[in-house]
N, C-alpha and C. Protein backbone atom coordinates (compact mmCIF):
# COMPACT_ATOMS: atom_id res chain seq x y z
N MET A 1 2.75 -10.41 4.51
CA MET A 1 1.86 -10.77 3.42
C MET A 1 0.59 -11.36 4.03
N VAL A 2 -0.53 -10.90 3.53
CA VAL A 2 -1.82 -11.36 4.03
C VAL A 2 -2.42 -12.33 3.02
N PRO A 3 -2.65 -13.57 3.41
CA PRO A 3 -3.23 -14.50 2.46
C PRO A 3 -4.69 -14.16 2.22
N GLY A 4 -5.14 -14.37 1.02
CA GLY A 4 -6.54 -14.20 0.68
C GLY A 4 -6.95 -15.46 -0.05
N ALA A 5 -7.72 -15.28 -1.10
CA ALA A 5 -7.98 -16.41 -1.99
C ALA A 5 -6.62 -16.82 -2.54
N SER A 6 -6.52 -18.02 -3.05
CA SER A 6 -5.22 -18.52 -3.50
C SER A 6 -4.62 -17.66 -4.60
N ASN A 7 -5.44 -16.87 -5.30
CA ASN A 7 -4.91 -16.04 -6.38
C ASN A 7 -4.93 -14.55 -6.05
N VAL A 8 -5.14 -14.21 -4.79
CA VAL A 8 -5.15 -12.82 -4.34
C VAL A 8 -4.23 -12.69 -3.13
N VAL A 9 -3.32 -11.73 -3.21
CA VAL A 9 -2.37 -11.50 -2.12
C VAL A 9 -2.41 -10.02 -1.77
N THR A 10 -2.36 -9.72 -0.49
CA THR A 10 -2.23 -8.33 -0.05
C THR A 10 -0.94 -8.21 0.75
N ILE A 11 -0.14 -7.22 0.37
CA ILE A 11 1.12 -6.95 1.06
C ILE A 11 1.04 -5.56 1.65
N ASN A 12 1.32 -5.47 2.95
CA ASN A 12 1.30 -4.19 3.65
C ASN A 12 2.51 -4.16 4.59
N PRO A 13 3.47 -3.26 4.34
CA PRO A 13 4.66 -3.22 5.21
C PRO A 13 4.33 -3.05 6.69
N ASP A 14 3.23 -2.40 7.01
CA ASP A 14 2.86 -2.22 8.42
C ASP A 14 2.61 -3.54 9.13
N ASP A 15 2.21 -4.57 8.38
CA ASP A 15 1.96 -5.87 9.02
C ASP A 15 3.20 -6.41 9.72
N ASP A 16 4.39 -6.09 9.18
CA ASP A 16 5.62 -6.58 9.80
C ASP A 16 6.03 -5.77 11.03
N LEU A 17 5.29 -4.73 11.33
CA LEU A 17 5.57 -3.95 12.53
C LEU A 17 4.75 -4.44 13.72
N GLU A 18 3.84 -5.37 13.46
CA GLU A 18 2.98 -5.89 14.53
C GLU A 18 3.76 -6.84 15.42
N THR A 19 3.51 -6.73 16.72
CA THR A 19 4.10 -7.64 17.70
C THR A 19 2.96 -8.18 18.55
N GLY A 20 3.27 -9.07 19.45
CA GLY A 20 2.25 -9.61 20.36
C GLY A 20 1.61 -8.55 21.22
N SER A 21 2.29 -7.43 21.42
CA SER A 21 1.73 -6.36 22.25
C SER A 21 1.42 -5.11 21.44
N GLY A 22 1.20 -5.27 20.16
CA GLY A 22 0.82 -4.14 19.32
C GLY A 22 1.89 -3.76 18.32
N ARG A 23 1.62 -2.70 17.58
CA ARG A 23 2.53 -2.24 16.54
C ARG A 23 3.69 -1.47 17.18
N VAL A 24 4.90 -1.82 16.76
CA VAL A 24 6.10 -1.15 17.25
C VAL A 24 6.86 -0.62 16.04
N TRP A 25 7.06 0.69 16.01
CA TRP A 25 7.77 1.33 14.91
C TRP A 25 9.11 1.85 15.39
N THR A 26 10.16 1.45 14.70
CA THR A 26 11.48 2.05 14.85
C THR A 26 12.02 2.17 13.43
N PRO A 27 12.99 3.03 13.19
CA PRO A 27 13.54 3.12 11.84
C PRO A 27 14.07 1.77 11.33
N GLU A 28 14.69 1.00 12.21
CA GLU A 28 15.26 -0.29 11.82
C GLU A 28 14.15 -1.29 11.46
N ARG A 29 13.13 -1.35 12.33
CA ARG A 29 12.02 -2.27 12.06
C ARG A 29 11.30 -1.88 10.77
N ASN A 30 11.14 -0.58 10.56
CA ASN A 30 10.48 -0.09 9.36
C ASN A 30 11.27 -0.49 8.10
N ALA A 31 12.58 -0.30 8.13
CA ALA A 31 13.41 -0.68 6.98
C ALA A 31 13.29 -2.18 6.69
N ARG A 32 13.32 -3.00 7.75
CA ARG A 32 13.17 -4.45 7.56
C ARG A 32 11.79 -4.79 7.00
N ALA A 33 10.76 -4.08 7.47
CA ALA A 33 9.39 -4.33 6.99
C ALA A 33 9.29 -4.06 5.49
N TRP A 34 9.91 -2.98 5.03
CA TRP A 34 9.87 -2.67 3.60
C TRP A 34 10.64 -3.70 2.79
N GLN A 35 11.81 -4.11 3.27
CA GLN A 35 12.58 -5.14 2.57
C GLN A 35 11.79 -6.44 2.47
N ARG A 36 11.15 -6.81 3.56
CA ARG A 36 10.34 -8.04 3.56
C ARG A 36 9.17 -7.91 2.59
N SER A 37 8.55 -6.75 2.54
CA SER A 37 7.43 -6.54 1.63
C SER A 37 7.86 -6.67 0.17
N TYR A 38 9.02 -6.10 -0.15
CA TYR A 38 9.54 -6.25 -1.52
C TYR A 38 9.84 -7.72 -1.82
N GLN A 39 10.40 -8.45 -0.86
CA GLN A 39 10.67 -9.88 -1.05
C GLN A 39 9.36 -10.65 -1.23
N ASP A 40 8.35 -10.31 -0.42
CA ASP A 40 7.04 -10.95 -0.54
C ASP A 40 6.44 -10.71 -1.92
N LEU A 41 6.62 -9.50 -2.45
CA LEU A 41 6.12 -9.18 -3.77
C LEU A 41 6.81 -10.04 -4.83
N GLU A 42 8.13 -10.15 -4.73
CA GLU A 42 8.89 -10.97 -5.67
C GLU A 42 8.39 -12.43 -5.62
N GLU A 43 8.21 -12.96 -4.41
CA GLU A 43 7.75 -14.34 -4.26
C GLU A 43 6.34 -14.52 -4.81
N ALA A 44 5.47 -13.56 -4.54
CA ALA A 44 4.09 -13.66 -5.04
C ALA A 44 4.06 -13.62 -6.57
N LEU A 45 4.92 -12.82 -7.17
CA LEU A 45 4.97 -12.74 -8.63
C LEU A 45 5.48 -14.05 -9.24
N LYS A 46 6.35 -14.74 -8.55
CA LYS A 46 6.82 -16.04 -9.04
C LYS A 46 5.72 -17.09 -8.94
N ARG A 47 4.91 -17.00 -7.88
CA ARG A 47 3.84 -17.98 -7.67
C ARG A 47 2.62 -17.69 -8.54
N LEU A 48 2.28 -16.42 -8.69
CA LEU A 48 1.10 -16.01 -9.47
C LEU A 48 1.58 -15.33 -10.75
N ARG A 49 2.02 -16.10 -11.67
CA ARG A 49 2.68 -15.58 -12.86
C ARG A 49 1.83 -14.61 -13.68
N ASP A 50 0.53 -14.74 -13.68
CA ASP A 50 -0.34 -13.86 -14.46
C ASP A 50 -0.94 -12.73 -13.63
N ALA A 51 -0.46 -12.54 -12.43
CA ALA A 51 -1.05 -11.54 -11.54
C ALA A 51 -0.70 -10.12 -11.96
N ARG A 52 -1.63 -9.24 -11.73
CA ARG A 52 -1.40 -7.80 -11.84
C ARG A 52 -1.05 -7.31 -10.44
N ILE A 53 -0.23 -6.28 -10.39
CA ILE A 53 0.05 -5.61 -9.13
C ILE A 53 -0.85 -4.38 -9.09
N VAL A 54 -1.52 -4.18 -7.98
CA VAL A 54 -2.33 -2.98 -7.78
C VAL A 54 -1.76 -2.27 -6.56
N VAL A 55 -1.12 -1.13 -6.82
CA VAL A 55 -0.54 -0.32 -5.76
C VAL A 55 -1.65 0.61 -5.26
N VAL A 56 -2.04 0.42 -4.00
CA VAL A 56 -3.11 1.22 -3.42
C VAL A 56 -2.47 2.22 -2.48
N CYS A 57 -2.51 3.50 -2.87
CA CYS A 57 -1.79 4.53 -2.12
C CYS A 57 -2.73 5.65 -1.68
N GLY A 58 -2.27 6.43 -0.73
CA GLY A 58 -3.01 7.55 -0.17
C GLY A 58 -2.54 7.78 1.25
N VAL A 59 -2.95 8.89 1.83
CA VAL A 59 -2.51 9.19 3.19
C VAL A 59 -3.02 8.13 4.15
N GLN A 60 -2.35 8.04 5.28
CA GLN A 60 -2.77 7.11 6.32
C GLN A 60 -4.19 7.49 6.74
N GLY A 61 -5.06 6.49 6.85
CA GLY A 61 -6.44 6.74 7.23
C GLY A 61 -7.36 7.06 6.05
N SER A 62 -6.84 6.94 4.84
CA SER A 62 -7.66 7.26 3.67
C SER A 62 -8.68 6.17 3.35
N GLY A 63 -8.41 4.95 3.77
CA GLY A 63 -9.32 3.84 3.47
C GLY A 63 -8.75 2.82 2.51
N LYS A 64 -7.43 2.79 2.39
CA LYS A 64 -6.78 1.85 1.46
C LYS A 64 -7.13 0.40 1.78
N THR A 65 -6.94 0.01 3.02
CA THR A 65 -7.18 -1.38 3.43
C THR A 65 -8.66 -1.73 3.27
N THR A 66 -9.53 -0.81 3.61
CA THR A 66 -10.97 -1.03 3.46
C THR A 66 -11.35 -1.22 2.00
N TRP A 67 -10.76 -0.41 1.12
CA TRP A 67 -11.04 -0.52 -0.31
C TRP A 67 -10.59 -1.88 -0.83
N ILE A 68 -9.39 -2.30 -0.44
CA ILE A 68 -8.88 -3.60 -0.88
C ILE A 68 -9.82 -4.72 -0.43
N ALA A 69 -10.27 -4.67 0.82
CA ALA A 69 -11.14 -5.72 1.36
C ALA A 69 -12.45 -5.82 0.59
N ALA A 70 -12.89 -4.74 -0.04
CA ALA A 70 -14.17 -4.73 -0.76
C ALA A 70 -14.04 -5.21 -2.21
N GLN A 71 -12.83 -5.50 -2.66
CA GLN A 71 -12.63 -5.89 -4.06
C GLN A 71 -12.96 -7.36 -4.28
N PRO A 72 -13.46 -7.68 -5.47
CA PRO A 72 -13.73 -9.10 -5.79
C PRO A 72 -12.45 -9.92 -5.74
N ARG A 73 -12.57 -11.16 -5.38
CA ARG A 73 -11.41 -12.04 -5.21
C ARG A 73 -11.39 -13.11 -6.30
N SER A 74 -11.38 -12.69 -7.57
CA SER A 74 -11.46 -13.68 -8.63
C SER A 74 -10.18 -13.80 -9.46
N SER A 75 -9.66 -12.72 -9.96
CA SER A 75 -8.50 -12.84 -10.85
C SER A 75 -7.20 -12.72 -10.06
N PRO A 76 -6.11 -13.26 -10.61
CA PRO A 76 -4.84 -13.14 -9.90
C PRO A 76 -4.44 -11.67 -9.74
N VAL A 77 -4.29 -11.25 -8.50
CA VAL A 77 -3.94 -9.86 -8.22
C VAL A 77 -3.12 -9.81 -6.94
N ILE A 78 -2.17 -8.89 -6.93
CA ILE A 78 -1.36 -8.64 -5.73
C ILE A 78 -1.59 -7.18 -5.37
N TYR A 79 -2.21 -6.96 -4.23
CA TYR A 79 -2.43 -5.59 -3.73
C TYR A 79 -1.24 -5.20 -2.87
N PHE A 80 -0.70 -4.02 -3.11
CA PHE A 80 0.36 -3.47 -2.27
C PHE A 80 -0.24 -2.25 -1.58
N ASP A 81 -0.42 -2.35 -0.27
CA ASP A 81 -1.17 -1.39 0.54
C ASP A 81 -0.20 -0.55 1.36
N ALA A 82 0.03 0.70 0.90
CA ALA A 82 0.96 1.58 1.62
C ALA A 82 0.73 3.02 1.17
N ALA A 83 1.14 3.97 1.98
CA ALA A 83 0.92 5.39 1.66
C ALA A 83 1.59 5.78 0.34
N LEU A 84 2.86 5.46 0.17
CA LEU A 84 3.61 5.70 -1.07
C LEU A 84 3.32 7.07 -1.68
N PRO A 85 3.68 8.14 -0.97
CA PRO A 85 3.26 9.47 -1.41
C PRO A 85 3.94 10.01 -2.66
N GLY A 86 5.16 9.60 -2.92
CA GLY A 86 5.87 10.23 -4.04
C GLY A 86 6.32 9.25 -5.09
N ILE A 87 6.67 9.80 -6.23
CA ILE A 87 7.19 8.99 -7.33
C ILE A 87 8.36 8.15 -6.85
N ARG A 88 9.26 8.75 -6.08
CA ARG A 88 10.44 8.01 -5.60
C ARG A 88 10.05 6.86 -4.68
N HIS A 89 8.92 6.99 -3.97
CA HIS A 89 8.47 5.92 -3.07
C HIS A 89 7.89 4.75 -3.84
N ARG A 90 7.39 5.01 -5.03
CA ARG A 90 6.74 3.96 -5.83
C ARG A 90 7.70 3.33 -6.84
N ALA A 91 8.88 3.91 -7.03
CA ALA A 91 9.81 3.46 -8.07
C ALA A 91 10.25 2.01 -7.90
N THR A 92 10.51 1.58 -6.68
CA THR A 92 10.95 0.20 -6.46
C THR A 92 9.88 -0.79 -6.91
N LEU A 93 8.62 -0.50 -6.60
CA LEU A 93 7.53 -1.39 -7.01
C LEU A 93 7.41 -1.46 -8.52
N LEU A 94 7.56 -0.31 -9.18
CA LEU A 94 7.51 -0.29 -10.65
C LEU A 94 8.67 -1.10 -11.23
N GLY A 95 9.84 -0.99 -10.62
CA GLY A 95 11.00 -1.77 -11.08
C GLY A 95 10.78 -3.26 -10.93
N ILE A 96 10.22 -3.69 -9.82
CA ILE A 96 9.94 -5.11 -9.60
C ILE A 96 8.94 -5.60 -10.65
N ALA A 97 7.91 -4.82 -10.90
CA ALA A 97 6.90 -5.21 -11.90
C ALA A 97 7.55 -5.37 -13.28
N ARG A 98 8.39 -4.42 -13.66
CA ARG A 98 9.07 -4.50 -14.97
C ARG A 98 9.95 -5.73 -15.06
N ARG A 99 10.70 -6.01 -13.99
CA ARG A 99 11.59 -7.17 -13.99
C ARG A 99 10.83 -8.47 -14.21
N HIS A 100 9.61 -8.53 -13.69
CA HIS A 100 8.80 -9.75 -13.80
C HIS A 100 7.84 -9.71 -14.97
N GLY A 101 7.82 -8.62 -15.71
CA GLY A 101 6.88 -8.50 -16.83
C GLY A 101 5.44 -8.44 -16.37
N ALA A 102 5.21 -7.94 -15.16
CA ALA A 102 3.86 -7.88 -14.59
C ALA A 102 3.21 -6.54 -14.89
N GLY A 103 1.91 -6.58 -15.10
CA GLY A 103 1.15 -5.34 -15.20
C GLY A 103 1.04 -4.69 -13.84
N ILE A 104 1.00 -3.37 -13.82
CA ILE A 104 0.92 -2.67 -12.54
C ILE A 104 0.01 -1.45 -12.68
N ASP A 105 -0.97 -1.39 -11.80
CA ASP A 105 -1.91 -0.28 -11.75
C ASP A 105 -1.73 0.45 -10.44
N ALA A 106 -2.16 1.71 -10.44
CA ALA A 106 -2.19 2.48 -9.19
C ALA A 106 -3.65 2.82 -8.89
N VAL A 107 -3.99 2.73 -7.62
CA VAL A 107 -5.28 3.20 -7.14
C VAL A 107 -4.96 4.21 -6.05
N TRP A 108 -5.35 5.44 -6.29
CA TRP A 108 -5.15 6.50 -5.30
C TRP A 108 -6.46 6.69 -4.55
N ILE A 109 -6.43 6.39 -3.26
CA ILE A 109 -7.59 6.61 -2.43
C ILE A 109 -7.48 8.06 -1.94
N ARG A 110 -8.21 8.93 -2.62
CA ARG A 110 -8.13 10.37 -2.35
C ARG A 110 -9.20 10.73 -1.31
N THR A 111 -8.73 11.10 -0.15
CA THR A 111 -9.59 11.37 1.00
C THR A 111 -9.24 12.73 1.58
N PRO A 112 -10.25 13.52 1.95
CA PRO A 112 -9.95 14.80 2.61
C PRO A 112 -9.08 14.56 3.86
N LEU A 113 -8.13 15.43 4.04
CA LEU A 113 -7.19 15.29 5.16
C LEU A 113 -7.92 15.22 6.50
N ASP A 114 -8.95 16.04 6.69
CA ASP A 114 -9.70 16.02 7.95
C ASP A 114 -10.31 14.64 8.21
N THR A 115 -10.81 14.02 7.16
CA THR A 115 -11.42 12.69 7.30
C THR A 115 -10.36 11.67 7.71
N ALA A 116 -9.21 11.70 7.06
CA ALA A 116 -8.13 10.77 7.40
C ALA A 116 -7.67 10.96 8.85
N LEU A 117 -7.54 12.21 9.27
CA LEU A 117 -7.12 12.49 10.65
C LEU A 117 -8.15 11.97 11.65
N GLU A 118 -9.42 12.14 11.36
CA GLU A 118 -10.47 11.64 12.26
C GLU A 118 -10.42 10.12 12.36
N ARG A 119 -10.25 9.46 11.23
CA ARG A 119 -10.20 8.00 11.23
C ARG A 119 -9.03 7.49 12.05
N LYS A 120 -7.87 8.09 11.87
CA LYS A 120 -6.69 7.63 12.61
C LYS A 120 -6.83 7.88 14.10
N ALA A 121 -7.46 8.98 14.48
CA ALA A 121 -7.62 9.30 15.90
C ALA A 121 -8.50 8.28 16.61
N GLY A 122 -9.39 7.62 15.88
CA GLY A 122 -10.29 6.65 16.48
C GLY A 122 -9.74 5.24 16.58
N ARG A 123 -8.50 5.05 16.19
CA ARG A 123 -7.91 3.71 16.22
C ARG A 123 -7.30 3.40 17.59
N PRO A 124 -7.03 2.11 17.84
CA PRO A 124 -6.35 1.76 19.09
C PRO A 124 -5.02 2.50 19.20
N ALA A 125 -4.59 2.74 20.42
CA ALA A 125 -3.40 3.56 20.68
C ALA A 125 -2.17 3.12 19.90
N ASP A 126 -1.96 1.81 19.78
CA ASP A 126 -0.75 1.34 19.09
C ASP A 126 -0.87 1.45 17.57
N ARG A 127 -2.03 1.83 17.05
CA ARG A 127 -2.21 1.97 15.61
C ARG A 127 -2.45 3.41 15.18
N ILE A 128 -2.39 4.33 16.13
CA ILE A 128 -2.57 5.73 15.79
C ILE A 128 -1.27 6.26 15.17
N VAL A 129 -1.43 6.87 14.01
CA VAL A 129 -0.30 7.48 13.32
C VAL A 129 -0.23 8.93 13.79
N PRO A 130 0.94 9.41 14.17
CA PRO A 130 1.05 10.80 14.61
C PRO A 130 0.57 11.76 13.52
N VAL A 131 -0.09 12.82 13.96
CA VAL A 131 -0.61 13.82 13.02
C VAL A 131 0.52 14.34 12.13
N ALA A 132 1.68 14.56 12.71
CA ALA A 132 2.81 15.07 11.92
C ALA A 132 3.17 14.12 10.77
N ALA A 133 3.07 12.82 11.00
CA ALA A 133 3.38 11.84 9.95
C ALA A 133 2.33 11.91 8.83
N ILE A 134 1.07 12.04 9.20
CA ILE A 134 0.00 12.13 8.19
C ILE A 134 0.17 13.42 7.38
N LEU A 135 0.47 14.51 8.06
CA LEU A 135 0.67 15.79 7.36
C LEU A 135 1.88 15.72 6.43
N SER A 136 2.92 15.02 6.86
CA SER A 136 4.11 14.86 6.03
C SER A 136 3.77 14.11 4.74
N VAL A 137 3.03 13.01 4.87
CA VAL A 137 2.64 12.25 3.69
C VAL A 137 1.75 13.10 2.78
N ALA A 138 0.80 13.81 3.36
CA ALA A 138 -0.09 14.66 2.57
C ALA A 138 0.70 15.73 1.82
N ASN A 139 1.68 16.32 2.47
CA ASN A 139 2.49 17.37 1.82
C ASN A 139 3.41 16.82 0.73
N GLN A 140 3.81 15.56 0.86
CA GLN A 140 4.69 14.94 -0.13
C GLN A 140 3.93 14.31 -1.29
N PHE A 141 2.62 14.18 -1.15
CA PHE A 141 1.87 13.35 -2.09
C PHE A 141 1.91 13.90 -3.51
N GLU A 142 2.32 13.03 -4.42
CA GLU A 142 2.31 13.30 -5.85
C GLU A 142 1.33 12.31 -6.48
N GLU A 143 0.39 12.81 -7.23
CA GLU A 143 -0.60 11.95 -7.87
C GLU A 143 0.11 10.92 -8.74
N PRO A 144 -0.24 9.62 -8.59
CA PRO A 144 0.37 8.61 -9.46
C PRO A 144 -0.10 8.83 -10.90
N THR A 145 0.78 8.54 -11.86
CA THR A 145 0.46 8.76 -13.27
C THR A 145 0.99 7.61 -14.12
N THR A 146 0.47 7.52 -15.32
CA THR A 146 1.01 6.55 -16.26
C THR A 146 2.41 6.96 -16.70
N ALA A 147 2.71 8.26 -16.66
CA ALA A 147 4.04 8.73 -17.06
C ALA A 147 5.14 8.16 -16.16
N GLU A 148 4.82 7.84 -14.91
CA GLU A 148 5.85 7.27 -14.04
C GLU A 148 5.97 5.76 -14.22
N GLY A 149 5.07 5.15 -14.99
CA GLY A 149 5.21 3.74 -15.31
C GLY A 149 4.00 2.87 -15.05
N PHE A 150 2.94 3.41 -14.47
CA PHE A 150 1.75 2.60 -14.23
C PHE A 150 1.01 2.37 -15.54
N ASP A 151 0.41 1.19 -15.68
CA ASP A 151 -0.41 0.90 -16.86
C ASP A 151 -1.70 1.69 -16.82
N ARG A 152 -2.29 1.76 -15.64
CA ARG A 152 -3.53 2.51 -15.43
C ARG A 152 -3.50 3.14 -14.05
N VAL A 153 -4.20 4.25 -13.93
CA VAL A 153 -4.33 4.92 -12.64
C VAL A 153 -5.81 5.17 -12.40
N HIS A 154 -6.27 4.75 -11.23
CA HIS A 154 -7.66 4.96 -10.84
C HIS A 154 -7.66 5.85 -9.61
N ILE A 155 -8.56 6.80 -9.57
CA ILE A 155 -8.71 7.66 -8.41
C ILE A 155 -10.06 7.33 -7.77
N VAL A 156 -10.00 7.02 -6.48
CA VAL A 156 -11.21 6.71 -5.72
C VAL A 156 -11.38 7.84 -4.70
N ASP A 157 -12.40 8.65 -4.89
CA ASP A 157 -12.68 9.74 -3.96
C ASP A 157 -13.57 9.21 -2.84
N THR A 158 -13.14 9.42 -1.60
CA THR A 158 -13.91 8.91 -0.47
C THR A 158 -14.53 10.03 0.35
N GLY A 159 -14.44 11.25 -0.12
CA GLY A 159 -14.99 12.34 0.69
C GLY A 159 -15.82 13.29 -0.08
């Protein structure tokens, strides 16, 4: 969980993969990172009772984190920053929101695949996502909709 203003929280499962010598990904570490992120979301919802959840999704390198950083820091909001390509990947977040009676929006950062690949290639070695992983997310991506449970869906085109 990344602290921001006292009423703004950003949760990114990748943050739990960071070590003193860079990001380390294993299936076990990844599973723990997701569990911790869900726990962080639950805790943030208890602390910020009027907060909306904003799920910011898109392929790796689309600009999710950059978009979040550019948002105003005034109202209670919890940003969840992750690729979340499919309905099944977003279902847990929607369930947590329902359990807490929280509003939940989706923001899809829609970026051309070539742009995302270029951005990822320019990152430090321990933060480069393999091309196969980016292509997998792109191939699995299902546009978020209100039909799956979001209150609102915003599409941000970056290309």
